[in-house]
Amino acid sequence: MDLSEKLENNCKLEIVNFDSEEGKEVYWHSTSHLMASAVKMLFPNAKLAIGPAIKEGFYYDFDVDEPFTPEDLERIEEKMHRIVEANDPFFRSEISKSEAVQLFTELDENINWKYWKA
């Protein structure tokens, strides 16, 4: 859950932060989404591939016509900073696989669904 989730039942609440493995995973997962947003803003034709959190951070693969240059990477990082500074809401949303297929089809993202975990 994230901080926007309403607690409705008697439950145990555990706060995770960057000092914990789970906290790092959550942070890096969110950061990969942040980077994907920045890339799509700067390179609208870039297609999303995969962007998981990993043990030492995160990565994101993009399908692009030309590899990113060092200058492109600097622009992406700067755009990420600007997105954070805008302080727009950032929230988690869970949808079914069929809804995801429909959404990504409408966005013209070519996802290979056989590798997607249900």
N, C-alpha and C. Protein backbone atom coordinates (compact mmCIF):
# COMPACT_ATOMS: atom_id res chain seq x y z
N MET A 1 0.84 -1.18 0.00
CA MET A 1 0.00 0.00 0.00
C MET A 1 0.88 1.24 0.00
N ASP A 2 0.33 2.31 -0.48
CA ASP A 2 1.04 3.57 -0.35
C ASP A 2 0.28 4.45 0.65
N LEU A 3 0.76 5.65 0.85
CA LEU A 3 0.18 6.52 1.88
C LEU A 3 -1.22 7.02 1.56
N SER A 4 -1.67 6.84 0.32
CA SER A 4 -3.01 7.30 -0.03
C SER A 4 -4.08 6.25 0.29
N GLU A 5 -3.67 5.03 0.61
CA GLU A 5 -4.62 3.94 0.88
C GLU A 5 -5.32 4.16 2.21
N LYS A 6 -6.62 3.99 2.19
CA LYS A 6 -7.42 4.14 3.42
C LYS A 6 -7.40 2.82 4.18
N LEU A 7 -7.09 2.90 5.47
CA LEU A 7 -7.12 1.72 6.33
C LEU A 7 -8.54 1.54 6.84
N GLU A 8 -9.16 0.41 6.52
CA GLU A 8 -10.56 0.22 6.87
C GLU A 8 -10.78 -0.86 7.92
N ASN A 9 -9.82 -1.74 8.10
CA ASN A 9 -9.99 -2.84 9.03
C ASN A 9 -8.92 -2.77 10.11
N ASN A 10 -9.15 -3.53 11.16
CA ASN A 10 -8.13 -3.65 12.19
C ASN A 10 -6.92 -4.33 11.54
N CYS A 11 -5.78 -3.67 11.58
CA CYS A 11 -4.63 -4.22 10.88
C CYS A 11 -3.34 -3.77 11.56
N LYS A 12 -2.26 -4.35 11.11
CA LYS A 12 -0.94 -3.96 11.58
C LYS A 12 -0.35 -3.02 10.52
N LEU A 13 0.09 -1.87 10.95
CA LEU A 13 0.68 -0.89 10.05
C LEU A 13 2.19 -0.87 10.26
N GLU A 14 2.93 -1.05 9.18
CA GLU A 14 4.38 -1.01 9.26
C GLU A 14 4.87 0.01 8.24
N ILE A 15 5.57 1.02 8.72
CA ILE A 15 6.12 2.04 7.85
C ILE A 15 7.47 1.54 7.34
N VAL A 16 7.69 1.62 6.03
CA VAL A 16 8.98 1.25 5.48
C VAL A 16 9.66 2.51 4.96
N ASN A 17 10.95 2.57 5.14
CA ASN A 17 11.71 3.70 4.62
C ASN A 17 12.94 3.17 3.90
N PHE A 18 13.76 4.07 3.42
CA PHE A 18 14.90 3.68 2.59
C PHE A 18 15.94 2.86 3.34
N ASP A 19 15.87 2.84 4.65
CA ASP A 19 16.81 2.03 5.45
C ASP A 19 16.52 0.54 5.36
N SER A 20 15.33 0.17 4.87
CA SER A 20 14.97 -1.24 4.76
C SER A 20 15.04 -1.70 3.31
N GLU A 21 15.22 -2.99 3.11
CA GLU A 21 15.24 -3.55 1.75
C GLU A 21 13.91 -3.28 1.04
N GLU A 22 12.80 -3.47 1.75
CA GLU A 22 11.49 -3.23 1.15
C GLU A 22 11.32 -1.76 0.78
N GLY A 23 11.79 -0.88 1.65
CA GLY A 23 11.71 0.55 1.36
C GLY A 23 12.50 0.93 0.13
N LYS A 24 13.69 0.36 -0.01
CA LYS A 24 14.51 0.62 -1.20
C LYS A 24 13.81 0.12 -2.46
N GLU A 25 13.22 -1.07 -2.37
CA GLU A 25 12.51 -1.62 -3.53
C GLU A 25 11.35 -0.72 -3.95
N VAL A 26 10.58 -0.25 -2.98
CA VAL A 26 9.45 0.64 -3.28
C VAL A 26 9.95 1.94 -3.91
N TYR A 27 11.00 2.51 -3.33
CA TYR A 27 11.57 3.76 -3.84
C TYR A 27 12.06 3.59 -5.27
N TRP A 28 12.84 2.52 -5.51
CA TRP A 28 13.39 2.32 -6.84
C TRP A 28 12.31 1.95 -7.86
N HIS A 29 11.29 1.24 -7.43
CA HIS A 29 10.17 0.93 -8.32
C HIS A 29 9.51 2.23 -8.77
N SER A 30 9.24 3.11 -7.81
CA SER A 30 8.62 4.40 -8.14
C SER A 30 9.53 5.24 -9.02
N THR A 31 10.83 5.19 -8.75
CA THR A 31 11.77 5.97 -9.54
C THR A 31 11.82 5.48 -10.98
N SER A 32 11.65 4.18 -11.19
CA SER A 32 11.63 3.69 -12.57
C SER A 32 10.42 4.25 -13.32
N HIS A 33 9.28 4.38 -12.64
CA HIS A 33 8.11 4.99 -13.26
C HIS A 33 8.36 6.47 -13.55
N LEU A 34 9.04 7.14 -12.63
CA LEU A 34 9.40 8.54 -12.82
C LEU A 34 10.27 8.70 -14.06
N MET A 35 11.26 7.83 -14.21
CA MET A 35 12.12 7.91 -15.37
C MET A 35 11.34 7.62 -16.66
N ALA A 36 10.45 6.64 -16.62
CA ALA A 36 9.64 6.34 -17.81
C ALA A 36 8.81 7.56 -18.21
N SER A 37 8.26 8.26 -17.24
CA SER A 37 7.48 9.47 -17.54
C SER A 37 8.36 10.53 -18.19
N ALA A 38 9.56 10.72 -17.65
CA ALA A 38 10.48 11.72 -18.20
C ALA A 38 10.86 11.36 -19.63
N VAL A 39 11.17 10.09 -19.86
CA VAL A 39 11.55 9.66 -21.21
C VAL A 39 10.40 9.88 -22.19
N LYS A 40 9.19 9.50 -21.79
CA LYS A 40 8.04 9.66 -22.70
C LYS A 40 7.77 11.14 -22.99
N MET A 41 8.02 12.02 -22.03
CA MET A 41 7.84 13.46 -22.27
C MET A 41 8.87 13.99 -23.27
N LEU A 42 10.10 13.53 -23.13
CA LEU A 42 11.18 14.01 -23.99
C LEU A 42 11.25 13.28 -25.33
N PHE A 43 10.87 12.02 -25.33
CA PHE A 43 10.95 11.17 -26.51
C PHE A 43 9.62 10.45 -26.69
N PRO A 44 8.60 11.15 -27.17
CA PRO A 44 7.25 10.56 -27.24
C PRO A 44 7.16 9.27 -28.04
N ASN A 45 8.07 9.05 -28.97
CA ASN A 45 8.02 7.82 -29.77
C ASN A 45 8.71 6.65 -29.11
N ALA A 46 9.36 6.88 -27.97
CA ALA A 46 10.00 5.77 -27.25
C ALA A 46 8.92 4.82 -26.75
N LYS A 47 9.18 3.55 -26.91
CA LYS A 47 8.24 2.53 -26.44
C LYS A 47 8.75 1.96 -25.12
N LEU A 48 7.85 1.77 -24.19
CA LEU A 48 8.21 1.21 -22.89
C LEU A 48 8.49 -0.28 -23.01
N ALA A 49 9.51 -0.74 -22.30
CA ALA A 49 9.81 -2.17 -22.28
C ALA A 49 9.64 -2.66 -20.85
N ILE A 50 10.72 -2.72 -20.11
CA ILE A 50 10.64 -3.22 -18.73
C ILE A 50 11.46 -2.30 -17.85
N GLY A 51 11.01 -2.12 -16.61
CA GLY A 51 11.71 -1.21 -15.71
C GLY A 51 11.60 -1.60 -14.25
N PRO A 52 12.19 -2.70 -13.88
CA PRO A 52 12.04 -3.16 -12.50
C PRO A 52 13.05 -2.56 -11.52
N ALA A 53 12.68 -2.62 -10.26
CA ALA A 53 13.65 -2.37 -9.19
C ALA A 53 14.54 -3.60 -9.11
N ILE A 54 15.82 -3.38 -8.88
CA ILE A 54 16.78 -4.47 -8.70
C ILE A 54 17.53 -4.25 -7.39
N LYS A 55 18.41 -5.15 -7.05
CA LYS A 55 19.07 -5.10 -5.74
C LYS A 55 19.78 -3.77 -5.47
N GLU A 56 20.43 -3.21 -6.46
CA GLU A 56 21.21 -1.99 -6.26
C GLU A 56 20.60 -0.76 -6.92
N GLY A 57 19.32 -0.76 -7.21
CA GLY A 57 18.69 0.40 -7.84
C GLY A 57 17.55 -0.02 -8.74
N PHE A 58 17.62 0.41 -9.98
CA PHE A 58 16.58 0.09 -10.95
C PHE A 58 17.16 0.31 -12.35
N TYR A 59 16.43 -0.18 -13.34
CA TYR A 59 16.76 0.15 -14.72
C TYR A 59 15.47 0.18 -15.51
N TYR A 60 15.55 0.69 -16.70
CA TYR A 60 14.40 0.70 -17.58
C TYR A 60 14.90 0.52 -19.00
N ASP A 61 14.30 -0.41 -19.71
CA ASP A 61 14.60 -0.60 -21.13
C ASP A 61 13.56 0.14 -21.95
N PHE A 62 14.02 0.80 -22.99
CA PHE A 62 13.14 1.50 -23.92
C PHE A 62 13.45 1.04 -25.33
N ASP A 63 12.43 0.94 -26.14
CA ASP A 63 12.61 0.65 -27.55
C ASP A 63 12.65 2.00 -28.26
N VAL A 64 13.84 2.37 -28.71
CA VAL A 64 14.04 3.66 -29.40
C VAL A 64 14.80 3.41 -30.70
N ASP A 65 14.64 4.32 -31.65
CA ASP A 65 15.32 4.19 -32.94
C ASP A 65 16.83 4.33 -32.78
N GLU A 66 17.28 5.23 -31.92
CA GLU A 66 18.70 5.48 -31.69
C GLU A 66 18.97 5.39 -30.20
N PRO A 67 20.11 4.82 -29.81
CA PRO A 67 20.43 4.77 -28.37
C PRO A 67 20.51 6.17 -27.78
N PHE A 68 20.21 6.29 -26.50
CA PHE A 68 20.33 7.57 -25.83
C PHE A 68 21.80 7.97 -25.74
N THR A 69 22.06 9.25 -25.94
CA THR A 69 23.41 9.78 -25.83
C THR A 69 23.63 10.24 -24.39
N PRO A 70 24.88 10.51 -24.00
CA PRO A 70 25.12 11.08 -22.67
C PRO A 70 24.33 12.38 -22.45
N GLU A 71 24.20 13.19 -23.49
CA GLU A 71 23.42 14.43 -23.39
C GLU A 71 21.93 14.12 -23.16
N ASP A 72 21.42 13.08 -23.82
CA ASP A 72 20.03 12.66 -23.61
C ASP A 72 19.82 12.24 -22.16
N LEU A 73 20.78 11.49 -21.61
CA LEU A 73 20.67 11.03 -20.23
C LEU A 73 20.65 12.21 -19.26
N GLU A 74 21.43 13.24 -19.54
CA GLU A 74 21.40 14.45 -18.71
C GLU A 74 20.04 15.13 -18.80
N ARG A 75 19.47 15.19 -20.00
CA ARG A 75 18.14 15.78 -20.17
C ARG A 75 17.08 14.97 -19.43
N ILE A 76 17.18 13.65 -19.49
CA ILE A 76 16.23 12.78 -18.79
C ILE A 76 16.33 13.02 -17.28
N GLU A 77 17.54 13.06 -16.76
CA GLU A 77 17.71 13.30 -15.33
C GLU A 77 17.15 14.66 -14.92
N GLU A 78 17.41 15.69 -15.72
CA GLU A 78 16.88 17.02 -15.41
C GLU A 78 15.35 17.02 -15.45
N LYS A 79 14.76 16.33 -16.41
CA LYS A 79 13.30 16.24 -16.50
C LYS A 79 12.75 15.52 -15.28
N MET A 80 13.44 14.48 -14.82
CA MET A 80 13.00 13.77 -13.61
C MET A 80 12.99 14.73 -12.42
N HIS A 81 14.02 15.55 -12.29
CA HIS A 81 14.07 16.53 -11.19
C HIS A 81 12.90 17.51 -11.30
N ARG A 82 12.61 17.95 -12.50
CA ARG A 82 11.50 18.91 -12.68
C ARG A 82 10.15 18.27 -12.36
N ILE A 83 9.99 17.01 -12.71
CA ILE A 83 8.74 16.31 -12.38
C ILE A 83 8.58 16.25 -10.86
N VAL A 84 9.65 15.91 -10.16
CA VAL A 84 9.60 15.83 -8.69
C VAL A 84 9.30 17.21 -8.11
N GLU A 85 9.97 18.25 -8.62
CA GLU A 85 9.77 19.61 -8.11
C GLU A 85 8.33 20.09 -8.33
N ALA A 86 7.67 19.59 -9.37
CA ALA A 86 6.28 19.99 -9.63
C ALA A 86 5.34 19.47 -8.55
N ASN A 87 5.80 18.44 -7.84
CA ASN A 87 5.04 17.89 -6.71
C ASN A 87 3.62 17.46 -7.09
N ASP A 88 3.46 16.96 -8.31
CA ASP A 88 2.17 16.44 -8.74
C ASP A 88 1.89 15.14 -8.00
N PRO A 89 0.62 14.81 -7.81
CA PRO A 89 0.30 13.56 -7.11
C PRO A 89 0.87 12.35 -7.85
N PHE A 90 1.34 11.41 -7.08
CA PHE A 90 1.92 10.18 -7.60
C PHE A 90 1.27 9.06 -6.82
N PHE A 91 0.49 8.23 -7.47
CA PHE A 91 -0.25 7.22 -6.73
C PHE A 91 -0.20 5.88 -7.44
N ARG A 92 -0.48 4.87 -6.67
CA ARG A 92 -0.49 3.49 -7.16
C ARG A 92 -1.89 3.14 -7.64
N SER A 93 -1.94 2.42 -8.74
CA SER A 93 -3.22 1.98 -9.28
C SER A 93 -3.06 0.54 -9.76
N GLU A 94 -3.94 -0.32 -9.32
CA GLU A 94 -3.90 -1.72 -9.77
C GLU A 94 -5.05 -1.96 -10.73
N ILE A 95 -4.73 -2.57 -11.87
CA ILE A 95 -5.74 -2.90 -12.86
C ILE A 95 -5.53 -4.34 -13.30
N SER A 96 -6.55 -4.90 -13.90
CA SER A 96 -6.47 -6.29 -14.37
C SER A 96 -5.59 -6.35 -15.63
N LYS A 97 -5.19 -7.57 -15.98
CA LYS A 97 -4.39 -7.74 -17.18
C LYS A 97 -5.16 -7.27 -18.41
N SER A 98 -6.44 -7.58 -18.49
CA SER A 98 -7.23 -7.16 -19.66
C SER A 98 -7.32 -5.63 -19.74
N GLU A 99 -7.45 -4.97 -18.59
CA GLU A 99 -7.46 -3.50 -18.59
C GLU A 99 -6.09 -2.95 -19.01
N ALA A 100 -5.02 -3.61 -18.57
CA ALA A 100 -3.67 -3.18 -18.95
C ALA A 100 -3.45 -3.34 -20.45
N VAL A 101 -3.90 -4.47 -21.00
CA VAL A 101 -3.78 -4.69 -22.44
C VAL A 101 -4.51 -3.59 -23.19
N GLN A 102 -5.73 -3.28 -22.77
CA GLN A 102 -6.51 -2.23 -23.44
C GLN A 102 -5.81 -0.88 -23.32
N LEU A 103 -5.34 -0.53 -22.13
CA LEU A 103 -4.67 0.75 -21.92
C LEU A 103 -3.43 0.88 -22.78
N PHE A 104 -2.55 -0.11 -22.75
CA PHE A 104 -1.31 -0.02 -23.51
C PHE A 104 -1.56 -0.10 -25.02
N THR A 105 -2.61 -0.78 -25.43
CA THR A 105 -2.98 -0.78 -26.85
C THR A 105 -3.41 0.62 -27.27
N GLU A 106 -4.24 1.26 -26.45
CA GLU A 106 -4.69 2.62 -26.74
C GLU A 106 -3.52 3.61 -26.76
N LEU A 107 -2.50 3.35 -25.95
CA LEU A 107 -1.32 4.21 -25.90
C LEU A 107 -0.30 3.86 -26.98
N ASP A 108 -0.61 2.87 -27.80
CA ASP A 108 0.26 2.40 -28.87
C ASP A 108 1.60 1.90 -28.34
N GLU A 109 1.56 1.23 -27.20
CA GLU A 109 2.75 0.59 -26.64
C GLU A 109 2.70 -0.87 -27.04
N ASN A 110 3.77 -1.36 -27.61
CA ASN A 110 3.83 -2.74 -28.09
C ASN A 110 4.40 -3.63 -26.99
N ILE A 111 3.54 -4.12 -26.12
CA ILE A 111 3.95 -4.96 -25.00
C ILE A 111 3.88 -6.42 -25.42
N ASN A 112 4.91 -7.20 -25.09
CA ASN A 112 4.88 -8.64 -25.32
C ASN A 112 4.25 -9.27 -24.07
N TRP A 113 2.97 -9.52 -24.13
CA TRP A 113 2.20 -9.92 -22.95
C TRP A 113 2.55 -11.31 -22.45
N LYS A 114 3.22 -12.14 -23.24
CA LYS A 114 3.56 -13.48 -22.75
C LYS A 114 4.57 -13.41 -21.61
N TYR A 115 5.30 -12.29 -21.47
CA TYR A 115 6.27 -12.12 -20.39
C TYR A 115 5.69 -11.37 -19.19
N TRP A 116 4.45 -10.94 -19.30
CA TRP A 116 3.83 -10.13 -18.26
C TRP A 116 3.25 -11.04 -17.20
N LYS A 117 3.57 -10.79 -15.95
CA LYS A 117 3.04 -11.60 -14.85
C LYS A 117 1.60 -11.22 -14.57
N ALA A 118 0.75 -12.19 -14.44
CA ALA A 118 -0.66 -11.92 -14.13
C ALA A 118 -0.84 -11.70 -12.65
